[in-house]
N, C-alpha and C. Protein backbone atom coordinates (compact mmCIF):
# COMPACT_ATOMS: atom_id res chain seq x y z
N MET A 1 87.28 90.08 108.55
CA MET A 1 87.65 88.69 108.61
C MET A 1 88.14 88.20 107.24
N THR A 2 87.42 88.59 106.19
CA THR A 2 87.81 88.19 104.83
C THR A 2 89.20 88.71 104.50
N ASN A 3 89.46 89.97 104.82
CA ASN A 3 90.76 90.56 104.49
C ASN A 3 91.90 89.90 105.25
N LEU A 4 91.66 89.52 106.49
CA LEU A 4 92.70 88.82 107.25
C LEU A 4 92.97 87.45 106.63
N ALA A 5 91.91 86.73 106.28
CA ALA A 5 92.08 85.43 105.61
C ALA A 5 92.81 85.60 104.29
N GLU A 6 92.49 86.68 103.57
CA GLU A 6 93.14 86.97 102.28
C GLU A 6 94.64 87.19 102.48
N THR A 7 94.99 87.87 103.53
CA THR A 7 96.40 88.12 103.82
C THR A 7 97.11 86.83 104.20
N LEU A 8 96.48 86.02 105.01
CA LEU A 8 97.11 84.79 105.52
C LEU A 8 97.18 83.67 104.49
N CYS A 9 96.32 83.67 103.51
CA CYS A 9 96.23 82.52 102.60
C CYS A 9 97.53 82.23 101.88
N TRP A 10 98.37 83.21 101.69
CA TRP A 10 99.62 83.03 100.96
C TRP A 10 100.69 82.35 101.79
N HIS A 11 100.74 82.64 103.08
CA HIS A 11 101.83 82.13 103.92
C HIS A 11 101.38 81.17 105.02
N SER A 12 100.13 81.25 105.42
CA SER A 12 99.61 80.41 106.51
C SER A 12 98.29 79.81 106.05
N PRO A 13 98.35 78.90 105.08
CA PRO A 13 97.11 78.39 104.49
C PRO A 13 96.16 77.72 105.48
N SER A 14 96.67 77.02 106.45
CA SER A 14 95.78 76.35 107.42
C SER A 14 95.01 77.37 108.25
N ARG A 15 95.71 78.39 108.72
CA ARG A 15 95.04 79.46 109.48
C ARG A 15 94.04 80.20 108.60
N ALA A 16 94.42 80.42 107.35
CA ALA A 16 93.53 81.12 106.43
C ALA A 16 92.26 80.32 106.17
N GLN A 17 92.38 79.01 106.07
CA GLN A 17 91.20 78.19 105.82
C GLN A 17 90.19 78.30 106.96
N VAL A 18 90.68 78.31 108.19
CA VAL A 18 89.78 78.45 109.34
C VAL A 18 89.05 79.79 109.27
N LEU A 19 89.80 80.86 109.04
CA LEU A 19 89.17 82.18 108.95
C LEU A 19 88.25 82.28 107.74
N ALA A 20 88.65 81.69 106.63
CA ALA A 20 87.82 81.75 105.43
C ALA A 20 86.49 81.04 105.65
N ASP A 21 86.52 79.92 106.36
CA ASP A 21 85.26 79.23 106.66
C ASP A 21 84.35 80.09 107.52
N ARG A 22 84.93 80.79 108.47
CA ARG A 22 84.12 81.69 109.31
C ARG A 22 83.61 82.87 108.48
N ALA A 23 84.45 83.41 107.62
CA ALA A 23 84.04 84.53 106.77
C ALA A 23 82.95 84.08 105.78
N LEU A 24 83.07 82.86 105.29
CA LEU A 24 82.06 82.32 104.39
C LEU A 24 80.71 82.26 105.09
N GLU A 25 80.69 81.72 106.29
CA GLU A 25 79.45 81.63 107.07
C GLU A 25 78.87 83.01 107.35
N PHE A 26 79.72 83.93 107.80
CA PHE A 26 79.26 85.28 108.11
C PHE A 26 78.70 85.97 106.88
N ASN A 27 79.44 85.96 105.77
CA ASN A 27 79.00 86.69 104.58
C ASN A 27 77.78 86.05 103.93
N ARG A 28 77.61 84.76 104.07
CA ARG A 28 76.36 84.12 103.61
C ARG A 28 75.20 84.63 104.45
N THR A 29 75.41 84.73 105.76
CA THR A 29 74.36 85.17 106.68
C THR A 29 73.92 86.59 106.37
N VAL A 30 74.87 87.47 106.11
CA VAL A 30 74.52 88.87 105.85
C VAL A 30 74.24 89.13 104.37
N GLY A 31 74.45 88.12 103.52
CA GLY A 31 74.14 88.26 102.10
C GLY A 31 75.14 89.10 101.31
N ASN A 32 76.38 89.14 101.75
CA ASN A 32 77.39 89.94 101.07
C ASN A 32 78.07 89.10 99.98
N GLN A 33 77.50 89.11 98.80
CA GLN A 33 78.01 88.28 97.71
C GLN A 33 79.37 88.72 97.21
N LEU A 34 79.66 90.01 97.26
CA LEU A 34 80.97 90.48 96.79
C LEU A 34 82.08 89.96 97.70
N GLU A 35 81.84 89.93 99.00
CA GLU A 35 82.84 89.36 99.91
C GLU A 35 82.94 87.85 99.70
N LEU A 36 81.86 87.20 99.37
CA LEU A 36 81.90 85.76 99.11
C LEU A 36 82.80 85.44 97.91
N ILE A 37 82.79 86.32 96.92
CA ILE A 37 83.69 86.13 95.77
C ILE A 37 85.13 86.05 96.26
N LYS A 38 85.51 86.97 97.15
CA LYS A 38 86.86 86.98 97.70
C LYS A 38 87.11 85.77 98.59
N VAL A 39 86.14 85.41 99.41
CA VAL A 39 86.33 84.30 100.34
C VAL A 39 86.60 83.00 99.57
N TYR A 40 85.85 82.76 98.53
CA TYR A 40 86.08 81.54 97.74
C TYR A 40 87.47 81.56 97.10
N ALA A 41 87.91 82.72 96.65
CA ALA A 41 89.26 82.83 96.09
C ALA A 41 90.31 82.57 97.16
N VAL A 42 90.09 83.09 98.36
CA VAL A 42 91.00 82.83 99.48
C VAL A 42 91.07 81.33 99.76
N LYS A 43 89.92 80.68 99.79
CA LYS A 43 89.90 79.23 100.03
C LYS A 43 90.69 78.50 98.95
N ALA A 44 90.60 78.97 97.72
CA ALA A 44 91.35 78.34 96.63
C ALA A 44 92.85 78.47 96.84
N VAL A 45 93.31 79.65 97.19
CA VAL A 45 94.75 79.85 97.43
C VAL A 45 95.22 79.01 98.62
N ALA A 46 94.40 78.93 99.65
CA ALA A 46 94.81 78.26 100.88
C ALA A 46 94.84 76.74 100.77
N GLU A 47 94.24 76.17 99.75
CA GLU A 47 94.26 74.71 99.61
C GLU A 47 95.69 74.21 99.51
N HIS A 48 95.97 73.11 100.18
CA HIS A 48 97.30 72.51 100.14
C HIS A 48 97.18 71.02 100.43
N GLY A 49 98.22 70.31 100.09
CA GLY A 49 98.24 68.87 100.32
C GLY A 49 97.61 68.11 99.16
N PRO A 50 97.51 66.79 99.31
CA PRO A 50 96.92 65.96 98.25
C PRO A 50 95.51 66.42 97.88
N GLY A 51 95.25 66.51 96.60
CA GLY A 51 93.92 66.93 96.13
C GLY A 51 93.67 68.42 96.16
N ALA A 52 94.72 69.20 96.46
CA ALA A 52 94.55 70.65 96.60
C ALA A 52 94.01 71.30 95.34
N LEU A 53 94.52 70.90 94.18
CA LEU A 53 94.08 71.54 92.94
C LEU A 53 92.59 71.32 92.71
N MET A 54 92.11 70.12 92.94
CA MET A 54 90.70 69.84 92.72
C MET A 54 89.83 70.65 93.69
N ARG A 55 90.23 70.72 94.94
CA ARG A 55 89.47 71.51 95.92
C ARG A 55 89.54 72.99 95.57
N ALA A 56 90.73 73.44 95.15
CA ALA A 56 90.89 74.85 94.77
C ALA A 56 89.99 75.19 93.58
N GLU A 57 89.93 74.30 92.61
CA GLU A 57 89.08 74.55 91.44
C GLU A 57 87.61 74.63 91.81
N THR A 58 87.19 73.86 92.80
CA THR A 58 85.80 73.96 93.28
C THR A 58 85.54 75.35 93.84
N SER A 59 86.49 75.87 94.62
CA SER A 59 86.33 77.22 95.18
C SER A 59 86.41 78.29 94.10
N VAL A 60 87.32 78.12 93.15
CA VAL A 60 87.42 79.08 92.04
C VAL A 60 86.10 79.12 91.27
N ASN A 61 85.54 77.96 90.99
CA ASN A 61 84.28 77.91 90.26
C ASN A 61 83.15 78.58 91.04
N ALA A 62 83.12 78.38 92.36
CA ALA A 62 82.11 79.05 93.18
C ALA A 62 82.28 80.56 93.11
N SER A 63 83.53 81.02 93.16
CA SER A 63 83.80 82.45 93.07
C SER A 63 83.36 83.01 91.72
N LEU A 64 83.73 82.30 90.65
CA LEU A 64 83.38 82.78 89.30
C LEU A 64 81.87 82.73 89.05
N GLU A 65 81.20 81.77 89.66
CA GLU A 65 79.73 81.73 89.54
C GLU A 65 79.11 82.98 90.16
N LEU A 66 79.63 83.39 91.31
CA LEU A 66 79.14 84.62 91.93
C LEU A 66 79.51 85.85 91.12
N VAL A 67 80.66 85.82 90.48
CA VAL A 67 81.03 86.92 89.58
C VAL A 67 79.95 87.06 88.50
N GLY A 68 79.55 85.92 87.93
CA GLY A 68 78.51 85.94 86.90
C GLY A 68 77.17 86.42 87.44
N THR A 69 76.83 85.99 88.64
CA THR A 69 75.55 86.36 89.25
C THR A 69 75.49 87.84 89.60
N THR A 70 76.60 88.35 90.14
CA THR A 70 76.61 89.74 90.61
C THR A 70 76.98 90.74 89.51
N GLY A 71 77.66 90.24 88.48
CA GLY A 71 78.16 91.15 87.44
C GLY A 71 79.44 91.86 87.83
N TYR A 72 80.02 91.49 88.97
CA TYR A 72 81.26 92.12 89.44
C TYR A 72 82.46 91.42 88.80
N ARG A 73 82.74 91.78 87.55
CA ARG A 73 83.76 91.10 86.76
C ARG A 73 85.16 91.25 87.33
N ALA A 74 85.43 92.33 88.02
CA ALA A 74 86.75 92.50 88.62
C ALA A 74 87.04 91.41 89.64
N GLY A 75 85.99 90.87 90.24
CA GLY A 75 86.16 89.80 91.20
C GLY A 75 86.77 88.55 90.60
N ALA A 76 86.65 88.39 89.30
CA ALA A 76 87.23 87.21 88.64
C ALA A 76 88.75 87.24 88.69
N ILE A 77 89.34 88.40 88.82
CA ILE A 77 90.79 88.52 88.77
C ILE A 77 91.45 87.77 89.93
N PHE A 78 90.92 87.92 91.15
CA PHE A 78 91.52 87.21 92.28
C PHE A 78 91.27 85.71 92.17
N ALA A 79 90.07 85.32 91.74
CA ALA A 79 89.79 83.89 91.57
C ALA A 79 90.72 83.27 90.53
N LEU A 80 90.91 83.96 89.43
CA LEU A 80 91.81 83.44 88.38
C LEU A 80 93.26 83.44 88.84
N SER A 81 93.64 84.43 89.64
CA SER A 81 95.00 84.45 90.20
C SER A 81 95.21 83.26 91.12
N ALA A 82 94.20 82.95 91.93
CA ALA A 82 94.27 81.77 92.80
C ALA A 82 94.43 80.50 91.97
N HIS A 83 93.70 80.44 90.87
CA HIS A 83 93.76 79.25 90.01
C HIS A 83 95.14 79.13 89.35
N VAL A 84 95.68 80.24 88.87
CA VAL A 84 97.02 80.23 88.29
C VAL A 84 98.02 79.73 89.32
N PHE A 85 97.93 80.25 90.53
CA PHE A 85 98.82 79.85 91.61
C PHE A 85 98.75 78.34 91.84
N GLN A 86 97.54 77.82 91.97
CA GLN A 86 97.39 76.39 92.25
C GLN A 86 97.82 75.52 91.06
N LEU A 87 97.59 75.99 89.85
CA LEU A 87 98.06 75.24 88.68
C LEU A 87 99.58 75.16 88.66
N LEU A 88 100.24 76.23 89.04
CA LEU A 88 101.70 76.21 89.09
C LEU A 88 102.20 75.31 90.21
N VAL A 89 101.52 75.34 91.36
CA VAL A 89 101.88 74.43 92.46
C VAL A 89 101.73 72.98 92.00
N ALA A 90 100.72 72.71 91.16
CA ALA A 90 100.47 71.36 90.65
C ALA A 90 101.29 71.04 89.40
N ASN A 91 102.23 71.94 89.07
CA ASN A 91 103.12 71.75 87.92
C ASN A 91 102.37 71.65 86.59
N GLN A 92 101.44 72.58 86.40
CA GLN A 92 100.70 72.67 85.14
C GLN A 92 100.86 74.08 84.56
N PRO A 93 102.11 74.44 84.18
CA PRO A 93 102.38 75.81 83.76
C PRO A 93 101.66 76.24 82.48
N GLU A 94 101.42 75.33 81.54
CA GLU A 94 100.74 75.74 80.30
C GLU A 94 99.31 76.18 80.59
N ALA A 95 98.61 75.41 81.42
CA ALA A 95 97.24 75.79 81.80
C ALA A 95 97.26 77.11 82.57
N ALA A 96 98.27 77.27 83.44
CA ALA A 96 98.40 78.52 84.20
C ALA A 96 98.61 79.71 83.27
N ALA A 97 99.40 79.51 82.21
CA ALA A 97 99.67 80.60 81.27
C ALA A 97 98.40 81.05 80.56
N GLU A 98 97.54 80.11 80.21
CA GLU A 98 96.27 80.47 79.55
C GLU A 98 95.42 81.33 80.47
N LEU A 99 95.33 80.95 81.74
CA LEU A 99 94.53 81.74 82.68
C LEU A 99 95.16 83.09 82.97
N ALA A 100 96.48 83.13 83.01
CA ALA A 100 97.17 84.40 83.24
C ALA A 100 96.84 85.39 82.13
N ALA A 101 96.70 84.90 80.92
CA ALA A 101 96.32 85.79 79.81
C ALA A 101 94.92 86.35 80.06
N SER A 102 94.04 85.55 80.63
CA SER A 102 92.68 86.03 80.95
C SER A 102 92.73 87.11 82.02
N ILE A 103 93.60 86.93 83.02
CA ILE A 103 93.75 87.95 84.06
C ILE A 103 94.17 89.27 83.42
N HIS A 104 95.16 89.18 82.56
CA HIS A 104 95.65 90.37 81.86
C HIS A 104 94.52 91.04 81.08
N ASP A 105 93.76 90.25 80.34
CA ASP A 105 92.69 90.80 79.49
C ASP A 105 91.60 91.48 80.31
N ILE A 106 91.17 90.82 81.39
CA ILE A 106 90.12 91.41 82.23
C ILE A 106 90.63 92.68 82.91
N ALA A 107 91.84 92.62 83.46
CA ALA A 107 92.41 93.80 84.12
C ALA A 107 92.54 94.96 83.15
N ALA A 108 92.99 94.67 81.93
CA ALA A 108 93.15 95.73 80.94
C ALA A 108 91.80 96.30 80.52
N GLU A 109 90.82 95.42 80.32
CA GLU A 109 89.50 95.89 79.91
C GLU A 109 88.84 96.76 80.98
N LEU A 110 88.95 96.33 82.25
CA LEU A 110 88.30 97.06 83.33
C LEU A 110 89.18 98.14 83.95
N ASP A 111 90.48 98.11 83.62
CA ASP A 111 91.45 99.04 84.15
C ASP A 111 91.53 98.98 85.68
N VAL A 112 91.57 97.72 86.19
CA VAL A 112 91.68 97.50 87.63
C VAL A 112 92.59 96.31 87.90
N TYR A 113 93.17 96.28 89.08
CA TYR A 113 93.92 95.12 89.58
C TYR A 113 94.94 94.57 88.60
N PHE A 114 95.52 95.46 87.81
CA PHE A 114 96.47 95.00 86.79
C PHE A 114 97.72 94.38 87.42
N PHE A 115 97.98 94.72 88.67
CA PHE A 115 99.16 94.14 89.34
C PHE A 115 99.06 92.62 89.43
N TRP A 116 97.82 92.06 89.45
CA TRP A 116 97.70 90.60 89.49
C TRP A 116 98.22 89.96 88.21
N ALA A 117 98.07 90.64 87.09
CA ALA A 117 98.64 90.13 85.84
C ALA A 117 100.16 90.12 85.93
N GLU A 118 100.72 91.14 86.56
CA GLU A 118 102.16 91.20 86.74
C GLU A 118 102.65 90.07 87.65
N VAL A 119 101.95 89.84 88.76
CA VAL A 119 102.32 88.77 89.69
C VAL A 119 102.24 87.42 88.98
N ALA A 120 101.16 87.19 88.24
CA ALA A 120 101.02 85.93 87.50
C ALA A 120 102.16 85.76 86.51
N GLY A 121 102.56 86.84 85.87
CA GLY A 121 103.69 86.79 84.95
C GLY A 121 104.98 86.40 85.64
N TRP A 122 105.20 86.94 86.84
CA TRP A 122 106.40 86.58 87.61
C TRP A 122 106.38 85.10 87.95
N TRP A 123 105.23 84.62 88.39
CA TRP A 123 105.11 83.19 88.72
C TRP A 123 105.40 82.33 87.50
N LEU A 124 104.84 82.71 86.36
CA LEU A 124 105.06 81.93 85.14
C LEU A 124 106.54 81.90 84.77
N GLN A 125 107.22 83.02 84.96
CA GLN A 125 108.65 83.06 84.65
C GLN A 125 109.43 82.08 85.52
N THR A 126 109.00 81.90 86.77
CA THR A 126 109.70 80.93 87.63
C THR A 126 109.48 79.51 87.12
N ALA A 127 108.42 79.29 86.35
CA ALA A 127 108.14 77.98 85.77
C ALA A 127 108.73 77.86 84.37
N GLY A 128 109.49 78.88 83.96
CA GLY A 128 110.13 78.83 82.65
C GLY A 128 109.27 79.27 81.49
N ILE A 129 108.17 79.93 81.78
CA ILE A 129 107.28 80.41 80.72
C ILE A 129 107.44 81.92 80.59
N ARG A 130 107.72 82.34 79.38
CA ARG A 130 107.88 83.77 79.12
C ARG A 130 106.52 84.44 79.19
N ALA A 131 106.43 85.46 80.00
CA ALA A 131 105.17 86.17 80.20
C ALA A 131 105.40 87.65 79.97
N GLY A 132 105.59 88.02 78.74
CA GLY A 132 105.87 89.41 78.41
C GLY A 132 104.62 90.27 78.37
N GLY A 133 104.82 91.55 78.50
CA GLY A 133 103.74 92.51 78.33
C GLY A 133 102.77 92.59 79.49
N ARG A 134 103.14 92.07 80.64
CA ARG A 134 102.22 92.07 81.77
C ARG A 134 102.78 92.91 82.91
N HIS A 135 103.12 94.13 82.64
CA HIS A 135 103.67 95.01 83.66
C HIS A 135 102.59 95.99 84.11
N SER A 136 102.49 96.17 85.41
CA SER A 136 101.50 97.11 85.94
C SER A 136 102.17 98.44 86.22
N ALA A 137 101.37 99.40 86.54
CA ALA A 137 101.89 100.71 86.94
C ALA A 137 101.97 100.78 88.47
N ALA A 138 101.90 99.61 89.11
CA ALA A 138 101.93 99.58 90.58
C ALA A 138 103.25 100.14 91.09
N GLU A 139 103.14 100.91 92.14
CA GLU A 139 104.33 101.40 92.82
C GLU A 139 104.53 100.50 94.03
N TRP A 140 105.26 99.41 93.79
CA TRP A 140 105.47 98.40 94.82
C TRP A 140 106.32 98.95 95.95
N LEU A 141 105.97 98.59 97.19
CA LEU A 141 106.80 98.94 98.32
C LEU A 141 108.18 98.33 98.10
N GLU A 142 109.20 99.10 98.29
CA GLU A 142 110.59 98.68 98.10
C GLU A 142 110.92 98.34 96.65
N GLY A 143 110.06 98.69 95.70
CA GLY A 143 110.34 98.51 94.29
C GLY A 143 109.85 97.19 93.72
N SER A 144 109.78 97.14 92.40
CA SER A 144 109.21 95.98 91.72
C SER A 144 110.08 94.73 91.85
N GLU A 145 111.40 94.89 91.92
CA GLU A 145 112.26 93.70 92.05
C GLU A 145 112.06 93.02 93.40
N GLU A 146 111.91 93.82 94.45
CA GLU A 146 111.63 93.24 95.77
C GLU A 146 110.25 92.58 95.78
N ALA A 147 109.27 93.22 95.17
CA ALA A 147 107.93 92.63 95.09
C ALA A 147 107.98 91.31 94.32
N ARG A 148 108.68 91.31 93.22
CA ARG A 148 108.83 90.10 92.41
C ARG A 148 109.44 88.97 93.25
N ALA A 149 110.48 89.30 93.97
CA ALA A 149 111.15 88.29 94.80
C ALA A 149 110.20 87.74 95.86
N ARG A 150 109.42 88.62 96.50
CA ARG A 150 108.48 88.17 97.53
C ARG A 150 107.40 87.28 96.95
N TRP A 151 106.80 87.69 95.81
CA TRP A 151 105.73 86.89 95.22
C TRP A 151 106.26 85.56 94.68
N CYS A 152 107.46 85.54 94.18
CA CYS A 152 108.04 84.27 93.71
C CYS A 152 108.35 83.36 94.88
N LEU A 153 108.75 83.94 96.01
CA LEU A 153 109.01 83.15 97.20
C LEU A 153 107.71 82.52 97.72
N VAL A 154 106.61 83.26 97.64
CA VAL A 154 105.31 82.70 98.04
C VAL A 154 105.02 81.43 97.26
N LEU A 155 105.26 81.47 95.96
CA LEU A 155 105.04 80.29 95.13
C LEU A 155 106.03 79.18 95.49
N ARG A 156 107.31 79.53 95.58
CA ARG A 156 108.33 78.50 95.88
C ARG A 156 108.06 77.81 97.22
N ASP A 157 107.57 78.57 98.19
CA ASP A 157 107.29 77.98 99.51
C ASP A 157 106.18 76.94 99.46
N ARG A 158 105.34 77.00 98.43
CA ARG A 158 104.22 76.04 98.33
C ARG A 158 104.53 74.89 97.39
N LEU A 159 105.66 74.93 96.69
CA LEU A 159 106.00 73.85 95.77
C LEU A 159 106.50 72.61 96.51
């Protein structure tokens, strides 16, 4: 359920919110804190409409609190990516750039999920912010230019 909500949050935020709420309830019941980290990040990405940034930040903070509790630092990468996304939707590119640097640093330190730093860099470039040095070794389906175009379209569709 969490993975489906995670997939939908980018293009179908309303559907993702419904699934994320169900996943939140389920994972709380079974005590799966690592999945809760993801669910809160999904909820952050899926926020839309007036007040979305404030609601997203509440979910990001819940996710990061669980990261601190569980020690699963890699979980912060998706939460921070969600926050970067919402900051850019709210037209706050400078704040987004600061968080994107954190994504890069955590990914580099842990040697995981580095592609999120690349995606954040692409988003920042669409906002006119130079985001150099954030390239992953990801082998994107159909190549990195197609991936870049798709991820930038995700952002543009929410602006």
